[in-house]
Amino acid sequence: MEIFKVIINNIVITLDQNNPEIILMGRGLGFKQQSRNNIDENLIEKRFSLSSSDNEESSVSQLLSNISLEYIRVANKILNYAEEIFNTNISDSKIISLSDHIHSALE
């Protein structure tokens, strides 16, 4: 698996077989990395992708270009808590939307 784009030290974007973007999170995953470098799959902690029901005109890299890792971590904690409280599974792609909402609210 190759890096398509490094967002920050802990987040990179890769492409699947059909070219939709996939966000990979993991401590140091993007540190000193560049596009086309191979990904150390042992460092991957989370994978996120936009489903076809999400806004297809937005790319993952555009959505994440201004969102800090802290907002993504907070969104992840909120969704994990909601899954626990409501005893349900929430699509991983929702972390992108929630991170964007948190970013917008704080800006």
Protein backbone atom coordinates (compact mmCIF):
# COMPACT_ATOMS: atom_id res chain seq x y z
CA MET A 1 0.00 0.00 0.00
CA GLU A 2 1.38 3.40 -1.01
CA ILE A 3 0.90 6.85 0.49
CA PHE A 4 -1.10 9.15 -1.76
CA LYS A 5 -0.82 12.21 0.48
CA VAL A 6 0.56 12.97 3.95
CA ILE A 7 -1.84 15.12 5.95
CA ILE A 8 0.15 15.27 9.20
CA ASN A 9 2.56 12.98 11.05
CA ASN A 10 -0.26 10.68 12.18
CA ILE A 11 -2.61 10.78 9.17
CA VAL A 12 -2.05 9.78 5.56
CA ILE A 13 -4.32 9.17 2.60
CA THR A 14 -4.05 6.16 0.32
CA LEU A 15 -6.19 4.97 -2.57
CA ASP A 16 -8.05 1.69 -2.92
CA GLN A 17 -8.35 -0.33 -6.14
CA ASN A 18 -11.14 1.93 -7.48
CA ASN A 19 -9.27 5.10 -6.45
CA PRO A 20 -11.55 6.30 -3.62
CA GLU A 21 -9.44 7.84 -0.90
CA ILE A 22 -8.89 6.07 2.41
CA ILE A 23 -7.67 7.88 5.52
CA LEU A 24 -5.20 5.96 7.66
CA MET A 25 -4.41 7.02 11.22
CA GLY A 26 -1.58 5.81 13.39
CA ARG A 27 1.18 7.24 15.56
CA GLY A 28 4.00 8.38 13.29
CA LEU A 29 2.41 6.90 10.15
CA GLY A 30 3.24 9.96 8.04
CA PHE A 31 6.39 11.08 9.85
CA LYS A 32 9.14 11.86 7.31
CA GLN A 33 7.07 10.18 4.59
CA GLN A 34 6.22 11.32 1.08
CA SER A 35 3.71 10.41 -1.60
CA ARG A 36 4.38 7.00 -3.18
CA ASN A 37 6.29 5.71 -0.13
CA ASN A 38 5.11 2.34 1.16
CA ILE A 39 3.03 2.38 4.32
CA ASP A 40 4.18 0.45 7.39
CA GLU A 41 0.92 -1.43 7.96
CA ASN A 42 1.95 -2.23 11.55
CA LEU A 43 1.49 1.47 12.37
CA ILE A 44 -2.12 1.65 11.12
CA GLU A 45 -4.55 2.08 14.01
CA LYS A 46 -7.68 3.27 12.15
CA ARG A 47 -8.99 3.29 8.57
CA PHE A 48 -11.69 5.62 7.30
CA SER A 49 -13.29 6.08 3.90
CA LEU A 50 -16.19 8.01 2.46
CA SER A 51 -19.07 5.79 1.46
CA SER A 52 -21.02 6.44 -1.72
CA SER A 53 -23.83 7.89 0.38
CA ASP A 54 -21.52 10.66 1.58
CA ASN A 55 -20.92 13.77 -0.48
CA GLU A 56 -19.17 12.35 -3.54
CA GLU A 57 -18.00 15.78 -4.74
CA SER A 58 -15.80 16.25 -1.67
CA SER A 59 -12.50 14.50 -1.49
CA VAL A 60 -11.10 13.30 1.78
CA SER A 61 -8.00 15.42 1.36
CA GLN A 62 -10.10 18.57 0.90
CA LEU A 63 -12.11 17.78 4.01
CA LEU A 64 -9.00 17.18 6.09
CA SER A 65 -6.81 19.97 4.75
CA ASN A 66 -7.63 22.33 7.63
CA ILE A 67 -8.79 19.95 10.35
CA SER A 68 -6.37 19.34 13.19
CA LEU A 69 -5.59 15.86 14.46
CA GLU A 70 -7.02 16.85 17.83
CA TYR A 71 -10.46 17.46 16.28
CA ILE A 72 -10.29 14.04 14.65
CA ARG A 73 -9.34 12.42 17.96
CA VAL A 74 -12.21 14.20 19.74
CA ALA A 75 -14.66 13.11 17.04
CA ASN A 76 -13.40 9.53 17.37
CA LYS A 77 -13.91 9.59 21.15
CA ILE A 78 -17.42 11.02 20.75
CA LEU A 79 -18.41 8.33 18.26
CA ASN A 80 -16.92 5.55 20.39
CA TYR A 81 -18.86 6.86 23.40
CA ALA A 82 -22.08 7.05 21.36
CA GLU A 83 -21.61 3.45 20.20
CA GLU A 84 -21.16 2.35 23.80
CA ILE A 85 -24.11 4.32 25.19
CA PHE A 86 -26.55 3.42 22.41
CA ASN A 87 -25.21 -0.11 21.89
CA THR A 88 -24.91 0.36 18.14
CA ASN A 89 -22.30 0.58 15.40
CA ILE A 90 -21.64 3.92 13.72
CA SER A 91 -19.98 4.05 10.32
CA ASP A 92 -16.31 5.02 10.53
CA SER A 93 -16.88 7.53 7.73
CA LYS A 94 -18.90 9.66 10.17
CA ILE A 95 -15.67 10.67 11.89
CA ILE A 96 -14.90 12.88 8.89
CA SER A 97 -18.22 14.71 9.09
CA LEU A 98 -18.03 15.14 12.85
CA SER A 99 -14.42 16.37 12.69
CA ASP A 100 -15.45 18.92 10.08
CA HIS A 101 -18.36 20.09 12.26
CA ILE A 102 -16.08 20.45 15.28
CA HIS A 103 -13.56 22.41 13.19
CA SER A 104 -16.28 24.72 11.82
CA ALA A 105 -17.82 25.30 15.24
CA LEU A 106 -14.49 26.22 16.80
CA GLU A 107 -13.49 28.49 13.93
